[in-house]
C-alpha cells in the first residue's frame, strides 16, 4: 500500500517527527537549558501554542544528542590517529588560540545512572587567560579566565583524555605560547596532563591545598580548635609565599624520627611533597597565572549537576551522555555552530 504525503510537508522540511527543523532545534534547546523535561514541554507550549509531551522531548534529546556524541567521538579519534593518507588535504587545520596563554582544568561530578548508581562525569574546561597590568610596581597582574568551553561525559580516563584533547585542539591550544593547567591532586588528571600538555605550568588548585591544611589541623589540634585555626592561617601565608619548608619543619619537630606518624598526617605530607612543584604560588601569581580551578568546578555544576542532578533524577547512560554533549556545547556557546552538522547526521541516520 502506498503511503501518501502532503506537498506542504516537503516545503516545510517535515521529517519523521512532523516538526520543522527550527521547531526541533527549539525543543532541544529548551530541554537542555531548562532542568526538567516537563517544564521544558510547558515552556515550549507557552512559546509556540503547540503541545508536546515530556517523553517526546526526551526522545528528541536522545536522538540528536546521540548524533552529537558520535560526532565528538569521531573528532576525538581524528585528533589522535594519523590520517589514512599523508597529503596536504588530509591534515586538520590548526586554529589560532583565543589568547597566547591558555588554561586547562579537569574534574569530576557524580550523577545517578539507572541500574548502575552514582557514576562520575568527567569534565574539562578550556579557557583563555587575560592578564591586565599590575596595580603597582612589582605587584601581581590582574588575571581573568574568559571564553570557557567544555567537554563532558561518562568516560573512563583514557577516553576522556582523547575527548578533552579534541576540545583543546579545537581551541587552538597547539598554537598557544604557553599552557597552564590547574587541578586538584587526582593522579588520573595529572597523567592526562603529562600525556597531552607537557611542557606546561602545572598548578595545584589553591583551595584544595588549603582544604588539606584544614584536614591536618583537625588531626593535630582537633576540630574547631582555635590553635588549629591559627595554625592554618600561618601556613596559608607560608604557602601563599610558595614556602613549604615551615610545614615539613613543624611536622619533623612534632614527630621526631622513630615516632610513628598518624596515617592521615602521613598521607597529607605525601600529598604536599608529591605536588611541591605545583605549589609555587608566589611565582605563579607574579607571572600572571591563575591558581584556582574554579572554572572547572563551575563547569561541573553548570554542565552536569544543574541539569542532570536535580532531586530524584536517574538517567539512562545514553540519555545522560546525549544531554551532557548537548549541554557542554550549549554552554560553550557553540550550539548554533554545531547544529547543522548534528541535524544532517540525524537525517542520514533516519
Protein backbone atom coordinates (compact mmCIF):
# COMPACT_ATOMS: atom_id res chain seq x y z
CA UNK A 1 0.00 0.00 0.00
CA UNK A 2 1.35 3.38 -0.94
CA UNK A 3 1.52 5.99 1.76
CA UNK A 4 0.56 9.48 0.72
CA UNK A 5 2.09 12.74 1.85
CA UNK A 6 1.15 16.38 1.89
CA UNK A 7 3.16 18.51 -0.58
CA UNK A 8 3.47 21.17 2.12
CA UNK A 9 5.38 18.65 4.27
CA UNK A 10 8.29 18.78 1.83
CA UNK A 11 8.20 22.54 1.60
CA UNK A 12 8.35 22.79 5.42
CA UNK A 13 11.03 20.06 5.56
CA UNK A 14 8.94 17.99 7.94
CA UNK A 15 10.65 14.75 8.85
CA UNK A 16 9.57 11.69 10.80
CA UNK A 17 8.80 13.87 13.84
CA UNK A 18 6.31 16.04 11.91
CA UNK A 19 8.13 19.08 13.24
CA UNK A 20 10.04 21.65 11.23
CA UNK A 21 13.83 21.72 11.72
CA UNK A 22 13.53 25.06 13.50
CA UNK A 23 10.97 23.65 15.94
CA UNK A 24 13.13 20.61 16.66
CA UNK A 25 16.07 22.87 17.43
CA UNK A 26 13.91 24.92 19.82
CA UNK A 27 12.69 21.74 21.51
CA UNK A 28 16.23 20.52 22.06
CA UNK A 29 17.44 23.93 23.22
CA UNK A 30 14.69 24.25 25.83
CA UNK A 31 15.21 20.65 27.01
CA UNK A 32 18.92 21.28 27.51
CA UNK A 33 18.55 24.71 29.08
CA UNK A 34 15.65 24.02 31.48
CA UNK A 35 16.40 21.45 34.24
CA UNK A 36 13.23 19.39 33.65
CA UNK A 37 11.65 17.85 30.55
CA UNK A 38 8.18 18.54 31.96
CA UNK A 39 8.95 22.22 32.49
CA UNK A 40 10.60 22.43 29.07
CA UNK A 41 7.43 20.97 27.49
CA UNK A 42 5.27 23.53 29.29
CA UNK A 43 7.58 26.35 28.22
CA UNK A 44 7.53 25.15 24.60
CA UNK A 45 3.74 25.16 24.58
CA UNK A 46 3.59 28.69 26.04
CA UNK A 47 6.00 29.98 23.41
CA UNK A 48 4.51 28.21 20.38
CA UNK A 49 0.91 27.38 21.34
CA UNK A 50 1.69 23.79 20.30
CA UNK A 51 1.60 20.95 22.83
CA UNK A 52 4.45 18.47 23.16
CA UNK A 53 4.94 15.73 25.72
CA UNK A 54 7.93 15.42 28.03
CA UNK A 55 8.61 11.95 26.59
CA UNK A 56 8.76 13.43 23.06
CA UNK A 57 11.33 15.97 24.24
CA UNK A 58 13.30 13.23 25.93
CA UNK A 59 13.37 11.08 22.78
CA UNK A 60 14.39 14.07 20.67
CA UNK A 61 17.29 14.89 23.01
CA UNK A 62 18.48 11.27 22.96
CA UNK A 63 18.32 11.20 19.15
CA UNK A 64 20.00 14.50 18.37
CA UNK A 65 22.32 14.42 21.36
CA UNK A 66 23.29 10.89 20.39
CA UNK A 67 24.34 12.17 16.96
CA UNK A 68 26.49 14.80 18.66
CA UNK A 69 28.05 12.10 20.86
CA UNK A 70 29.02 10.16 17.73
CA UNK A 71 30.41 13.28 16.05
CA UNK A 72 32.50 14.12 19.12
CA UNK A 73 33.81 10.55 19.29
CA UNK A 74 34.87 10.74 15.63
CA UNK A 75 36.51 14.11 16.27
CA UNK A 76 38.40 12.72 19.27
CA UNK A 77 39.63 9.76 17.24
CA UNK A 78 40.77 12.00 14.39
CA UNK A 79 42.95 14.10 16.71
CA UNK A 80 44.99 11.12 17.96
CA UNK A 81 45.18 8.88 14.90
CA UNK A 82 47.25 9.61 11.77
CA UNK A 83 45.32 10.37 8.58
CA UNK A 84 44.83 7.44 6.17
CA UNK A 85 47.00 9.17 3.55
CA UNK A 86 49.72 11.73 4.10
CA UNK A 87 48.86 14.61 1.83
CA UNK A 88 48.08 18.23 2.48
CA UNK A 89 44.32 17.78 2.24
CA UNK A 90 44.24 15.04 4.89
CA UNK A 91 45.68 17.09 7.73
CA UNK A 92 43.36 19.01 10.01
CA UNK A 93 43.58 22.78 10.27
CA UNK A 94 45.15 24.07 13.50
CA UNK A 95 43.26 27.21 14.60
CA UNK A 96 44.69 30.20 16.38
CA UNK A 97 44.08 30.29 20.16
CA UNK A 98 41.96 32.98 21.82
CA UNK A 99 44.95 34.04 23.92
CA UNK A 100 48.69 33.48 23.97
CA UNK A 101 48.16 31.89 27.41
CA UNK A 102 45.55 29.12 27.58
CA UNK A 103 44.29 27.33 30.71
CA UNK A 104 43.08 23.75 31.08
CA UNK A 105 41.34 22.28 34.13
CA UNK A 106 39.73 18.87 34.71
CA UNK A 107 37.48 17.48 37.41
CA UNK A 108 34.53 15.19 38.01
CA UNK A 109 30.92 15.26 39.21
CA UNK A 110 28.53 12.43 40.03
CA UNK A 111 25.10 11.69 38.55
CA UNK A 112 22.71 8.79 39.10
CA UNK A 113 22.55 6.22 36.28
CA UNK A 114 19.70 3.72 36.26
CA UNK A 115 20.91 0.24 37.14
CA UNK A 116 24.43 1.48 37.90
CA UNK A 117 24.10 4.00 40.73
CA UNK A 118 26.24 7.11 41.08
CA UNK A 119 28.77 7.45 38.26
CA UNK A 120 31.40 10.09 37.60
CA UNK A 121 31.03 12.60 34.81
CA UNK A 122 34.48 13.81 33.78
CA UNK A 123 34.57 17.47 32.75
CA UNK A 124 37.28 19.52 31.04
CA UNK A 125 37.27 23.31 30.85
CA UNK A 126 39.37 25.23 28.33
CA UNK A 127 39.80 28.97 28.91
CA UNK A 128 41.70 31.93 27.55
CA UNK A 129 43.75 33.78 30.16
CA UNK A 130 43.69 37.57 30.03
CA UNK A 131 46.32 39.38 32.10
CA UNK A 132 45.91 43.03 32.97
CA UNK A 133 48.61 45.44 34.18
CA UNK A 134 49.89 45.22 37.74
CA UNK A 135 48.25 47.63 40.18
CA UNK A 136 51.64 48.89 41.36
CA UNK A 137 55.32 48.34 40.58
CA UNK A 138 56.30 44.79 41.41
CA UNK A 139 52.69 43.81 42.08
CA UNK A 140 50.68 40.99 40.63
CA UNK A 141 48.87 41.43 37.30
CA UNK A 142 45.10 41.10 37.23
CA UNK A 143 44.12 37.70 35.86
CA UNK A 144 40.80 36.74 34.22
CA UNK A 145 39.71 33.50 32.60
CA UNK A 146 37.37 34.10 29.67
CA UNK A 147 35.82 32.27 26.71
CA UNK A 148 35.25 28.99 28.52
CA UNK A 149 34.43 25.84 26.61
CA UNK A 150 33.64 22.38 27.93
CA UNK A 151 33.76 18.68 27.13
CA UNK A 152 31.95 16.26 29.44
CA UNK A 153 30.94 12.63 29.50
CA UNK A 154 30.63 9.33 31.31
CA UNK A 155 34.03 8.15 30.12
CA UNK A 156 36.96 6.26 31.52
CA UNK A 157 40.18 8.25 31.89
CA UNK A 158 41.64 7.10 28.54
CA UNK A 159 38.53 8.08 26.56
CA UNK A 160 38.26 11.35 28.44
CA UNK A 161 41.90 12.06 27.61
CA UNK A 162 41.11 11.87 23.88
CA UNK A 163 37.90 13.86 24.22
CA UNK A 164 39.41 16.75 26.18
CA UNK A 165 42.38 16.82 23.79
CA UNK A 166 39.97 17.16 20.86
CA UNK A 167 38.40 20.19 22.55
CA UNK A 168 41.85 21.62 23.28
CA UNK A 169 42.85 21.22 19.64
CA UNK A 170 39.64 22.93 18.53
CA UNK A 171 40.56 25.85 20.79
CA UNK A 172 43.98 26.15 19.14
CA UNK A 173 45.97 25.12 22.18
CA UNK A 174 48.71 23.68 19.96
CA UNK A 175 49.45 27.24 18.81
CA UNK A 176 49.39 28.80 22.28
CA UNK A 177 52.62 30.34 23.50
CA UNK A 178 52.09 28.86 26.94
CA UNK A 179 49.70 26.47 28.69
CA UNK A 180 48.78 26.47 32.35
CA UNK A 181 46.76 23.70 33.96
CA UNK A 182 45.14 23.99 37.40
CA UNK A 183 43.68 20.89 39.04
CA UNK A 184 43.28 19.02 42.28
CA UNK A 185 45.67 16.21 43.20
CA UNK A 186 43.93 13.34 41.35
CA UNK A 187 46.57 11.14 39.71
CA UNK A 188 44.47 10.39 36.63
CA UNK A 189 44.25 14.11 35.86
CA UNK A 190 47.99 14.66 36.08
CA UNK A 191 48.60 11.58 33.93
CA UNK A 192 46.48 13.18 31.19
CA UNK A 193 48.35 16.48 31.65
CA UNK A 194 51.69 14.70 31.23
CA UNK A 195 50.44 12.92 28.12
CA UNK A 196 48.82 15.91 26.41
CA UNK A 197 50.29 19.18 27.63
CA UNK A 198 53.92 18.77 28.65
CA UNK A 199 55.73 21.09 28.83
CA UNK A 200 53.32 23.35 30.65
CA UNK A 201 52.93 25.06 34.02
CA UNK A 202 51.25 22.71 36.49
CA UNK A 203 49.42 24.25 39.45
CA UNK A 204 47.64 22.57 42.34
CA UNK A 205 44.36 24.35 42.98
CA UNK A 206 44.87 26.78 45.87
CA UNK A 207 41.67 25.85 47.71
CA UNK A 208 42.43 22.13 47.56
CA UNK A 209 45.77 22.88 49.20
CA UNK A 210 44.05 24.93 51.90
CA UNK A 211 41.47 22.18 52.41
CA UNK A 212 44.30 19.73 53.01
CA UNK A 213 45.82 22.09 55.59
CA UNK A 214 42.49 22.17 57.45
CA UNK A 215 42.39 18.36 57.44
CA UNK A 216 45.86 18.32 59.00
CA UNK A 217 44.86 20.91 61.61
CA UNK A 218 41.84 18.83 62.63
CA UNK A 219 44.10 15.82 63.17
CA UNK A 220 46.73 17.83 65.05
CA UNK A 221 44.53 20.00 67.27
CA UNK A 222 41.02 18.60 66.98
CA UNK A 223 38.06 20.02 65.02
CA UNK A 224 37.04 23.59 65.89
CA UNK A 225 40.18 24.30 67.89
CA UNK A 226 41.37 27.94 67.85
CA UNK A 227 45.01 26.84 67.82
CA UNK A 228 44.27 24.77 64.74
CA UNK A 229 42.65 27.74 63.00
CA UNK A 230 45.66 29.93 63.80
CA UNK A 231 47.98 27.18 62.56
CA UNK A 232 46.12 27.03 59.23
CA UNK A 233 46.29 30.81 58.78
CA UNK A 234 50.01 30.77 59.47
CA UNK A 235 50.74 28.03 56.96
CA UNK A 236 48.39 29.56 54.39
CA UNK A 237 50.64 32.62 54.49
CA UNK A 238 53.69 30.38 54.00
CA UNK A 239 52.02 28.61 51.09
CA UNK A 240 50.96 31.93 49.54
CA UNK A 241 54.62 32.87 49.51
CA UNK A 242 55.50 29.49 47.95
CA UNK A 243 57.29 28.23 51.07
CA UNK A 244 56.65 24.64 52.17
CA UNK A 245 59.64 24.33 54.48
CA UNK A 246 57.84 25.52 57.65
CA UNK A 247 55.21 22.80 57.26
CA UNK A 248 57.74 19.99 56.98
CA UNK A 249 59.85 21.51 59.78
CA UNK A 250 56.80 21.65 62.06
CA UNK A 251 55.94 18.01 61.38
CA UNK A 252 59.54 16.90 61.96
CA UNK A 253 59.73 18.66 65.32
CA UNK A 254 56.27 17.39 66.33
CA UNK A 255 57.06 13.82 65.32
CA UNK A 256 60.80 13.15 65.68
CA UNK A 257 62.45 10.30 63.82
CA UNK A 258 61.31 6.95 65.11
CA UNK A 259 57.96 8.25 66.36
CA UNK A 260 55.10 6.94 64.20
CA UNK A 261 53.19 9.49 62.15
CA UNK A 262 49.38 9.10 62.08
CA UNK A 263 48.10 7.83 58.73
CA UNK A 264 46.11 10.98 57.91
CA UNK A 265 49.10 13.25 58.51
CA UNK A 266 51.43 10.98 56.59
CA UNK A 267 49.08 10.97 53.61
CA UNK A 268 48.74 14.77 53.71
CA UNK A 269 52.52 15.24 53.83
CA UNK A 270 52.93 12.83 50.94
CA UNK A 271 50.30 14.80 49.02
CA UNK A 272 52.17 18.08 49.51
CA UNK A 273 55.55 16.54 48.77
CA UNK A 274 54.35 14.88 45.56
CA UNK A 275 52.82 18.20 44.40
CA UNK A 276 55.60 20.50 45.66
CA UNK A 277 56.47 21.72 42.15
CA UNK A 278 52.79 22.70 41.74
CA UNK A 279 52.73 24.81 44.90
CA UNK A 280 54.96 27.73 43.86
CA UNK A 281 52.08 30.17 44.30
CA UNK A 282 54.24 33.29 44.71
CA UNK A 283 55.94 32.58 41.39
CA UNK A 284 52.68 31.72 39.65
CA UNK A 285 50.87 34.83 40.83
CA UNK A 286 53.64 37.19 39.76
CA UNK A 287 53.75 35.50 36.35
CA UNK A 288 50.03 36.24 35.93
CA UNK A 289 48.83 32.64 36.12
CA UNK A 290 45.51 31.64 37.72
CA UNK A 291 45.93 29.49 40.83
CA UNK A 292 42.33 28.31 41.29
CA UNK A 293 40.37 25.67 39.38
CA UNK A 294 37.06 27.45 39.87
CA UNK A 295 36.38 27.39 36.13
CA UNK A 296 36.09 23.60 36.01
CA UNK A 297 34.31 23.38 39.37
CA UNK A 298 31.76 25.82 37.97
CA UNK A 299 31.73 23.75 34.79
CA UNK A 300 30.89 20.59 36.75
CA UNK A 301 27.96 22.37 38.37
CA UNK A 302 26.67 24.05 35.22
CA UNK A 303 27.27 21.31 32.66
CA UNK A 304 26.39 18.26 34.77
CA UNK A 305 24.81 18.93 38.14
CA UNK A 306 22.45 21.81 37.28
CA UNK A 307 20.69 19.71 34.62
CA UNK A 308 21.36 16.06 35.49
CA UNK A 309 21.43 16.08 39.29
CA UNK A 310 18.07 17.51 40.24
CA UNK A 311 16.05 15.85 43.02
CA UNK A 312 15.06 12.29 42.13
CA UNK A 313 16.71 12.27 38.70
CA UNK A 314 18.02 8.99 37.33
CA UNK A 315 19.26 8.71 33.77
CA UNK A 316 19.88 6.02 31.21
CA UNK A 317 23.51 6.04 30.14
CA UNK A 318 22.71 7.03 26.50
CA UNK A 319 20.31 9.73 27.70
CA UNK A 320 22.85 11.17 30.12
CA UNK A 321 25.62 11.15 27.54
CA UNK A 322 23.38 12.82 24.96
CA UNK A 323 22.37 15.53 27.43
CA UNK A 324 25.98 16.11 28.54
CA UNK A 325 27.16 16.52 24.95
CA UNK A 326 24.39 18.97 24.13
CA UNK A 327 24.73 20.93 27.37
CA UNK A 328 28.51 21.23 27.11
CA UNK A 329 28.11 22.50 23.55
CA UNK A 330 25.37 24.95 24.56
CA UNK A 331 27.39 26.37 27.46
CA UNK A 332 30.40 26.65 25.16
CA UNK A 333 28.16 28.91 23.01
CA UNK A 334 28.54 26.58 20.03
CA UNK A 335 25.11 25.01 19.62
CA UNK A 336 24.18 27.22 16.64
CA UNK A 337 27.53 26.41 15.02
CA UNK A 338 27.28 22.66 15.57
CA UNK A 339 23.56 22.17 14.99
CA UNK A 340 23.58 21.94 11.15
CA UNK A 341 26.06 19.04 11.34
CA UNK A 342 24.01 17.29 14.04
CA UNK A 343 20.81 17.81 12.07
CA UNK A 344 22.39 16.43 8.90
CA UNK A 345 23.74 13.38 10.75
CA UNK A 346 20.28 12.70 12.21
CA UNK A 347 18.64 12.83 8.76
CA UNK A 348 21.22 10.40 7.37
CA UNK A 349 20.66 8.03 10.29
CA UNK A 350 16.91 8.12 9.64
